[in-house]
Amino acid sequence: MEKLDHKEELDLILRAKNRDQVAFEELCKQYTALLVGSANKFYRSYKDKALLEDFIQEARIAFNNAILHYGEVLEGKKRAPFCAYAEVSVNNRLKSFCRKLSSKKNANCEIVSPVIEDYIQDTVVYRELLNLAENTLSPYEKRILQLKADGLSVNEIAKIVGKSEKSVNNAMYRVRSKIRDTIK
């Protein structure tokens, strides 16, 4: 497969951000080595707890999130190359997935679906909270909650917004307080 030039890649990213499935699949083809290679690297240590397909699916989810957030990452700063951003996103997600597989909750579980169900439930809850408190949150707080709704960890969010984990945790605390006040 012929490697895309920078302009073609940015065009595909923009189309994929706008939910163009063909563009997303083309980007996946271009980054197959990254997705499968990263998934396989983590799978080797956890093959007794999950299938390779589960790791590849997690890698694709992270890749999709990388596409959706690329360009927003370093607003006002020089943009990192997409390949580097995607690699960090995929590896961070796979590390999180491995931590979940290693947790006591999943110690005797061969099926990975509870992890995925937890992820979906958390994502839905954060999206509902974002809708509920839309008018009371600052732009930074909305951004943090949106990234949390996309399933990212505090560490991943801190890297994306260029702030410390403490700053992200403080923002999440403020968000919770404002949501509590909104509900009352």
C-alpha atoms as a PDB file:
ATOM      1  CA  MET A   1       0.000   0.000   0.000  1.00  0.00           C
ATOM      2  CA  GLU A   2       1.315   3.393  -0.986  1.00  0.00           C
ATOM      3  CA  LYS A   3       2.005   5.794   1.883  1.00  0.00           C
ATOM      4  CA  LEU A   4      -0.113   8.937   1.942  1.00  0.00           C
ATOM      5  CA  ASP A   5       1.439  12.364   1.772  1.00  0.00           C
ATOM      6  CA  HIS A   6       0.711  14.821   4.602  1.00  0.00           C
ATOM      7  CA  LYS A   7      -2.076  16.642   2.743  1.00  0.00           C
ATOM      8  CA  GLU A   8      -3.876  13.411   1.760  1.00  0.00           C
ATOM      9  CA  GLU A   9      -3.607  12.142   5.319  1.00  0.00           C
ATOM     10  CA  LEU A  10      -5.065  15.370   6.767  1.00  0.00           C
ATOM     11  CA  ASP A  11      -7.910  15.199   4.238  1.00  0.00           C
ATOM     12  CA  LEU A  12      -8.716  11.622   5.305  1.00  0.00           C
ATOM     13  CA  ILE A  13      -8.561  12.629   8.984  1.00  0.00           C
ATOM     14  CA  LEU A  14     -10.972  15.499   8.396  1.00  0.00           C
ATOM     15  CA  ARG A  15     -13.367  13.229   6.476  1.00  0.00           C
ATOM     16  CA  ALA A  16     -13.136  10.535   9.159  1.00  0.00           C
ATOM     17  CA  LYS A  17     -13.858  13.153  11.851  1.00  0.00           C
ATOM     18  CA  ASN A  18     -17.054  13.869   9.959  1.00  0.00           C
ATOM     19  CA  ARG A  19     -18.013  10.179  10.254  1.00  0.00           C
ATOM     20  CA  ASP A  20     -16.936   9.156   6.740  1.00  0.00           C
ATOM     21  CA  GLN A  21     -16.531   5.389   7.218  1.00  0.00           C
ATOM     22  CA  VAL A  22     -14.586   4.967   3.958  1.00  0.00           C
ATOM     23  CA  ALA A  23     -12.014   7.527   5.108  1.00  0.00           C
ATOM     24  CA  PHE A  24     -11.764   5.834   8.516  1.00  0.00           C
ATOM     25  CA  GLU A  25     -11.188   2.424   6.914  1.00  0.00           C
ATOM     26  CA  GLU A  26      -8.551   3.901   4.597  1.00  0.00           C
ATOM     27  CA  LEU A  27      -6.726   5.380   7.593  1.00  0.00           C
ATOM     28  CA  CYS A  28      -6.986   2.007   9.352  1.00  0.00           C
ATOM     29  CA  LYS A  29      -5.410   0.346   6.310  1.00  0.00           C
ATOM     30  CA  GLN A  30      -2.611   2.903   6.339  1.00  0.00           C
ATOM     31  CA  TYR A  31      -2.006   2.274  10.043  1.00  0.00           C
ATOM     32  CA  THR A  32      -2.578  -1.501  10.089  1.00  0.00           C
ATOM     33  CA  ALA A  33       1.006  -2.125  11.171  1.00  0.00           C
ATOM     34  CA  LEU A  34       0.582   0.203  14.147  1.00  0.00           C
ATOM     35  CA  LEU A  35      -2.824  -1.185  15.182  1.00  0.00           C
ATOM     36  CA  VAL A  36      -2.049  -4.883  14.789  1.00  0.00           C
ATOM     37  CA  GLY A  37       1.563  -4.548  15.936  1.00  0.00           C
ATOM     38  CA  SER A  38       0.626  -2.710  19.129  1.00  0.00           C
ATOM     39  CA  ALA A  39      -2.279  -5.068  19.826  1.00  0.00           C
ATOM     40  CA  ASN A  40      -0.030  -8.095  19.302  1.00  0.00           C
ATOM     41  CA  LYS A  41       2.669  -6.677  21.577  1.00  0.00           C
ATOM     42  CA  PHE A  42       0.233  -6.396  24.503  1.00  0.00           C
ATOM     43  CA  TYR A  43      -1.644  -9.587  23.625  1.00  0.00           C
ATOM     44  CA  ARG A  44       1.484 -11.712  24.117  1.00  0.00           C
ATOM     45  CA  SER A  45       1.432 -10.977  27.857  1.00  0.00           C
ATOM     46  CA  TYR A  46      -2.348 -11.320  28.279  1.00  0.00           C
ATOM     47  CA  LYS A  47      -3.333 -14.087  25.858  1.00  0.00           C
ATOM     48  CA  ASP A  48      -4.724 -16.123  28.727  1.00  0.00           C
ATOM     49  CA  LYS A  49      -7.193 -13.311  29.588  1.00  0.00           C
ATOM     50  CA  ALA A  50      -8.417 -12.028  26.216  1.00  0.00           C
ATOM     51  CA  LEU A  51      -8.402 -12.683  22.488  1.00  0.00           C
ATOM     52  CA  LEU A  52      -6.140 -10.917  20.013  1.00  0.00           C
ATOM     53  CA  GLU A  53      -9.303  -9.546  18.368  1.00  0.00           C
ATOM     54  CA  ASP A  54     -10.180  -7.802  21.656  1.00  0.00           C
ATOM     55  CA  PHE A  55      -6.824  -6.046  21.649  1.00  0.00           C
ATOM     56  CA  ILE A  56      -7.203  -5.065  17.996  1.00  0.00           C
ATOM     57  CA  GLN A  57     -10.685  -3.696  18.730  1.00  0.00           C
ATOM     58  CA  GLU A  58      -9.316  -1.625  21.624  1.00  0.00           C
ATOM     59  CA  ALA A  59      -6.578  -0.340  19.312  1.00  0.00           C
ATOM     60  CA  ARG A  60      -9.185   0.662  16.704  1.00  0.00           C
ATOM     61  CA  ILE A  61     -11.271   2.476  19.331  1.00  0.00           C
ATOM     62  CA  ALA A  62      -8.188   4.413  20.440  1.00  0.00           C
ATOM     63  CA  PHE A  63      -7.324   5.112  16.811  1.00  0.00           C
ATOM     64  CA  ASN A  64     -10.834   6.452  16.205  1.00  0.00           C
ATOM     65  CA  ASN A  65     -10.523   8.702  19.273  1.00  0.00           C
ATOM     66  CA  ALA A  66      -7.137   9.894  18.008  1.00  0.00           C
ATOM     67  CA  ILE A  67      -8.737  10.843  14.691  1.00  0.00           C
ATOM     68  CA  LEU A  68     -11.591  12.665  16.423  1.00  0.00           C
ATOM     69  CA  HIS A  69      -9.293  14.668  18.686  1.00  0.00           C
ATOM     70  CA  TYR A  70      -6.341  15.290  16.378  1.00  0.00           C
ATOM     71  CA  GLY A  71      -5.992  18.989  15.751  1.00  0.00           C
ATOM     72  CA  GLU A  72      -7.665  19.914  19.033  1.00  0.00           C
ATOM     73  CA  VAL A  73      -4.718  18.473  20.905  1.00  0.00           C
ATOM     74  CA  LEU A  74      -2.245  21.282  20.732  1.00  0.00           C
ATOM     75  CA  GLU A  75      -4.417  24.276  19.906  1.00  0.00           C
ATOM     76  CA  GLY A  76      -2.192  27.297  19.471  1.00  0.00           C
ATOM     77  CA  LYS A  77       0.958  25.174  19.488  1.00  0.00           C
ATOM     78  CA  LYS A  78       2.787  23.306  16.762  1.00  0.00           C
ATOM     79  CA  ARG A  79       0.808  20.177  15.909  1.00  0.00           C
ATOM     80  CA  ALA A  80       2.420  16.795  16.534  1.00  0.00           C
ATOM     81  CA  PRO A  81       2.474  14.424  13.552  1.00  0.00           C
ATOM     82  CA  PHE A  82      -0.644  12.284  13.456  1.00  0.00           C
ATOM     83  CA  CYS A  83       1.345   9.046  13.430  1.00  0.00           C
ATOM     84  CA  ALA A  84       3.005   9.958  16.759  1.00  0.00           C
ATOM     85  CA  TYR A  85      -0.268  11.084  18.316  1.00  0.00           C
ATOM     86  CA  ALA A  86      -2.061   7.935  17.145  1.00  0.00           C
ATOM     87  CA  GLU A  87       0.699   5.679  18.468  1.00  0.00           C
ATOM     88  CA  VAL A  88       0.585   7.274  21.935  1.00  0.00           C
ATOM     89  CA  SER A  89      -3.225   7.059  21.984  1.00  0.00           C
ATOM     90  CA  VAL A  90      -3.270   3.399  20.950  1.00  0.00           C
ATOM     91  CA  ASN A  91      -0.550   2.365  23.393  1.00  0.00           C
ATOM     92  CA  ASN A  92      -2.163   4.250  26.296  1.00  0.00           C
ATOM     93  CA  ARG A  93      -5.532   2.620  25.621  1.00  0.00           C
ATOM     94  CA  LEU A  94      -3.976  -0.827  25.399  1.00  0.00           C
ATOM     95  CA  LYS A  95      -2.123  -0.252  28.681  1.00  0.00           C
ATOM     96  CA  SER A  96      -5.431   0.712  30.317  1.00  0.00           C
ATOM     97  CA  PHE A  97      -7.079  -2.365  28.841  1.00  0.00           C
ATOM     98  CA  CYS A  98      -4.302  -4.552  30.276  1.00  0.00           C
ATOM     99  CA  ARG A  99      -4.720  -2.944  33.704  1.00  0.00           C
ATOM    100  CA  LYS A 100      -8.426  -3.767  33.578  1.00  0.00           C
ATOM    101  CA  LEU A 101      -7.664  -7.341  32.577  1.00  0.00           C
ATOM    102  CA  SER A 102      -5.244  -7.632  35.490  1.00  0.00           C
ATOM    103  CA  SER A 103      -7.619  -6.224  38.066  1.00  0.00           C
ATOM    104  CA  LYS A 104      -9.146  -8.557  40.652  1.00  0.00           C
ATOM    105  CA  LYS A 105     -12.560  -7.934  39.135  1.00  0.00           C
ATOM    106  CA  ASN A 106     -11.501  -9.710  35.928  1.00  0.00           C
ATOM    107  CA  ALA A 107      -9.043 -12.205  37.450  1.00  0.00           C
ATOM    108  CA  ASN A 108     -11.204 -15.269  36.792  1.00  0.00           C
ATOM    109  CA  CYS A 109     -13.069 -13.942  33.792  1.00  0.00           C
ATOM    110  CA  GLU A 110     -12.265 -15.089  30.275  1.00  0.00           C
ATOM    111  CA  ILE A 111     -14.868 -12.877  28.633  1.00  0.00           C
ATOM    112  CA  VAL A 112     -13.867  -9.261  28.160  1.00  0.00           C
ATOM    113  CA  SER A 113     -17.376  -7.879  27.666  1.00  0.00           C
ATOM    114  CA  PRO A 114     -17.716  -6.514  31.251  1.00  0.00           C
ATOM    115  CA  VAL A 115     -14.804  -4.174  30.503  1.00  0.00           C
ATOM    116  CA  ILE A 116     -16.508  -2.977  27.340  1.00  0.00           C
ATOM    117  CA  GLU A 117     -19.882  -2.666  29.104  1.00  0.00           C
ATOM    118  CA  ASP A 118     -18.268  -0.594  31.888  1.00  0.00           C
ATOM    119  CA  TYR A 119     -16.658   1.619  29.271  1.00  0.00           C
ATOM    120  CA  ILE A 120     -19.971   2.152  27.454  1.00  0.00           C
ATOM    121  CA  GLN A 121     -21.864   2.819  30.692  1.00  0.00           C
ATOM    122  CA  ASP A 122     -19.244   5.341  31.891  1.00  0.00           C
ATOM    123  CA  THR A 123     -19.233   7.050  28.500  1.00  0.00           C
ATOM    124  CA  VAL A 124     -23.026   7.381  28.453  1.00  0.00           C
ATOM    125  CA  VAL A 125     -23.064   8.767  32.005  1.00  0.00           C
ATOM    126  CA  TYR A 126     -20.401  11.384  31.209  1.00  0.00           C
ATOM    127  CA  ARG A 127     -22.237  12.435  28.035  1.00  0.00           C
ATOM    128  CA  GLU A 128     -25.469  12.887  30.016  1.00  0.00           C
ATOM    129  CA  LEU A 129     -23.615  14.937  32.622  1.00  0.00           C
ATOM    130  CA  LEU A 130     -22.141  17.089  29.872  1.00  0.00           C
ATOM    131  CA  ASN A 131     -25.636  17.798  28.502  1.00  0.00           C
ATOM    132  CA  LEU A 132     -26.979  18.506  31.979  1.00  0.00           C
ATOM    133  CA  ALA A 133     -24.311  21.029  32.983  1.00  0.00           C
ATOM    134  CA  GLU A 134     -23.601  22.537  29.551  1.00  0.00           C
ATOM    135  CA  ASN A 135     -24.462  26.103  30.604  1.00  0.00           C
ATOM    136  CA  THR A 136     -22.616  26.119  33.940  1.00  0.00           C
ATOM    137  CA  LEU A 137     -19.229  24.740  32.909  1.00  0.00           C
ATOM    138  CA  SER A 138     -16.255  26.759  31.710  1.00  0.00           C
ATOM    139  CA  PRO A 139     -14.835  25.874  28.270  1.00  0.00           C
ATOM    140  CA  TYR A 140     -11.940  24.042  29.960  1.00  0.00           C
ATOM    141  CA  GLU A 141     -14.299  22.050  32.185  1.00  0.00           C
ATOM    142  CA  LYS A 142     -16.480  21.171  29.181  1.00  0.00           C
ATOM    143  CA  ARG A 143     -13.388  19.985  27.303  1.00  0.00           C
ATOM    144  CA  ILE A 144     -12.262  17.819  30.227  1.00  0.00           C
ATOM    145  CA  LEU A 145     -15.728  16.296  30.633  1.00  0.00           C
ATOM    146  CA  GLN A 146     -16.001  15.692  26.864  1.00  0.00           C
ATOM    147  CA  LEU A 147     -12.676  13.832  26.835  1.00  0.00           C
ATOM    148  CA  LYS A 148     -13.784  11.832  29.885  1.00  0.00           C
ATOM    149  CA  ALA A 149     -17.010  11.040  28.028  1.00  0.00           C
ATOM    150  CA  ASP A 150     -14.879   9.721  25.172  1.00  0.00           C
ATOM    151  CA  GLY A 151     -13.428   7.185  27.584  1.00  0.00           C
ATOM    152  CA  LEU A 152     -10.002   8.697  28.161  1.00  0.00           C
ATOM    153  CA  SER A 153      -8.120   8.381  31.437  1.00  0.00           C
ATOM    154  CA  VAL A 154      -6.971  11.388  33.485  1.00  0.00           C
ATOM    155  CA  ASN A 155      -3.417  10.751  32.280  1.00  0.00           C
ATOM    156  CA  GLU A 156      -4.505  10.726  28.615  1.00  0.00           C
ATOM    157  CA  ILE A 157      -6.610  13.866  29.090  1.00  0.00           C
ATOM    158  CA  ALA A 158      -3.691  15.674  30.741  1.00  0.00           C
ATOM    159  CA  LYS A 159      -1.478  14.894  27.743  1.00  0.00           C
ATOM    160  CA  ILE A 160      -4.116  16.027  25.268  1.00  0.00           C
ATOM    161  CA  VAL A 161      -4.889  19.353  26.964  1.00  0.00           C
ATOM    162  CA  GLY A 162      -1.264  19.997  27.924  1.00  0.00           C
ATOM    163  CA  LYS A 163      -1.971  20.298  31.639  1.00  0.00           C
ATOM    164  CA  SER A 164      -0.989  18.299  34.714  1.00  0.00           C
ATOM    165  CA  GLU A 165      -3.057  15.383  35.995  1.00  0.00           C
ATOM    166  CA  LYS A 166      -3.725  17.475  39.096  1.00  0.00           C
ATOM    167  CA  SER A 167      -5.247  20.231  36.936  1.00  0.00           C
ATOM    168  CA  VAL A 168      -7.481  17.661  35.210  1.00  0.00           C
ATOM    169  CA  ASN A 169      -8.526  16.142  38.543  1.00  0.00           C
ATOM    170  CA  ASN A 170      -9.301  19.619  39.912  1.00  0.00           C
ATOM    171  CA  ALA A 171     -11.421  20.370  36.846  1.00  0.00           C
ATOM    172  CA  MET A 172     -13.310  17.102  37.311  1.00  0.00           C
ATOM    173  CA  TYR A 173     -13.917  18.046  40.976  1.00  0.00           C
ATOM    174  CA  ARG A 174     -15.325  21.435  39.888  1.00  0.00           C
ATOM    175  CA  VAL A 175     -17.482  19.704  37.269  1.00  0.00           C
ATOM    176  CA  ARG A 176     -18.917  17.335  39.885  1.00  0.00           C
ATOM    177  CA  SER A 177     -19.648  20.251  42.229  1.00  0.00           C
ATOM    178  CA  LYS A 178     -21.382  22.253  39.515  1.00  0.00           C
ATOM    179  CA  ILE A 179     -23.416  19.229  38.433  1.00  0.00           C
ATOM    180  CA  ARG A 180     -24.476  18.602  42.045  1.00  0.00           C
ATOM    181  CA  ASP A 181     -25.564  22.237  42.302  1.00  0.00           C
ATOM    182  CA  THR A 182     -27.447  21.996  39.000  1.00  0.00           C
ATOM    183  CA  ILE A 183     -29.320  18.875  40.138  1.00  0.00           C
ATOM    184  CA  LYS A 184     -30.351  20.413  43.494  1.00  0.00           C
END
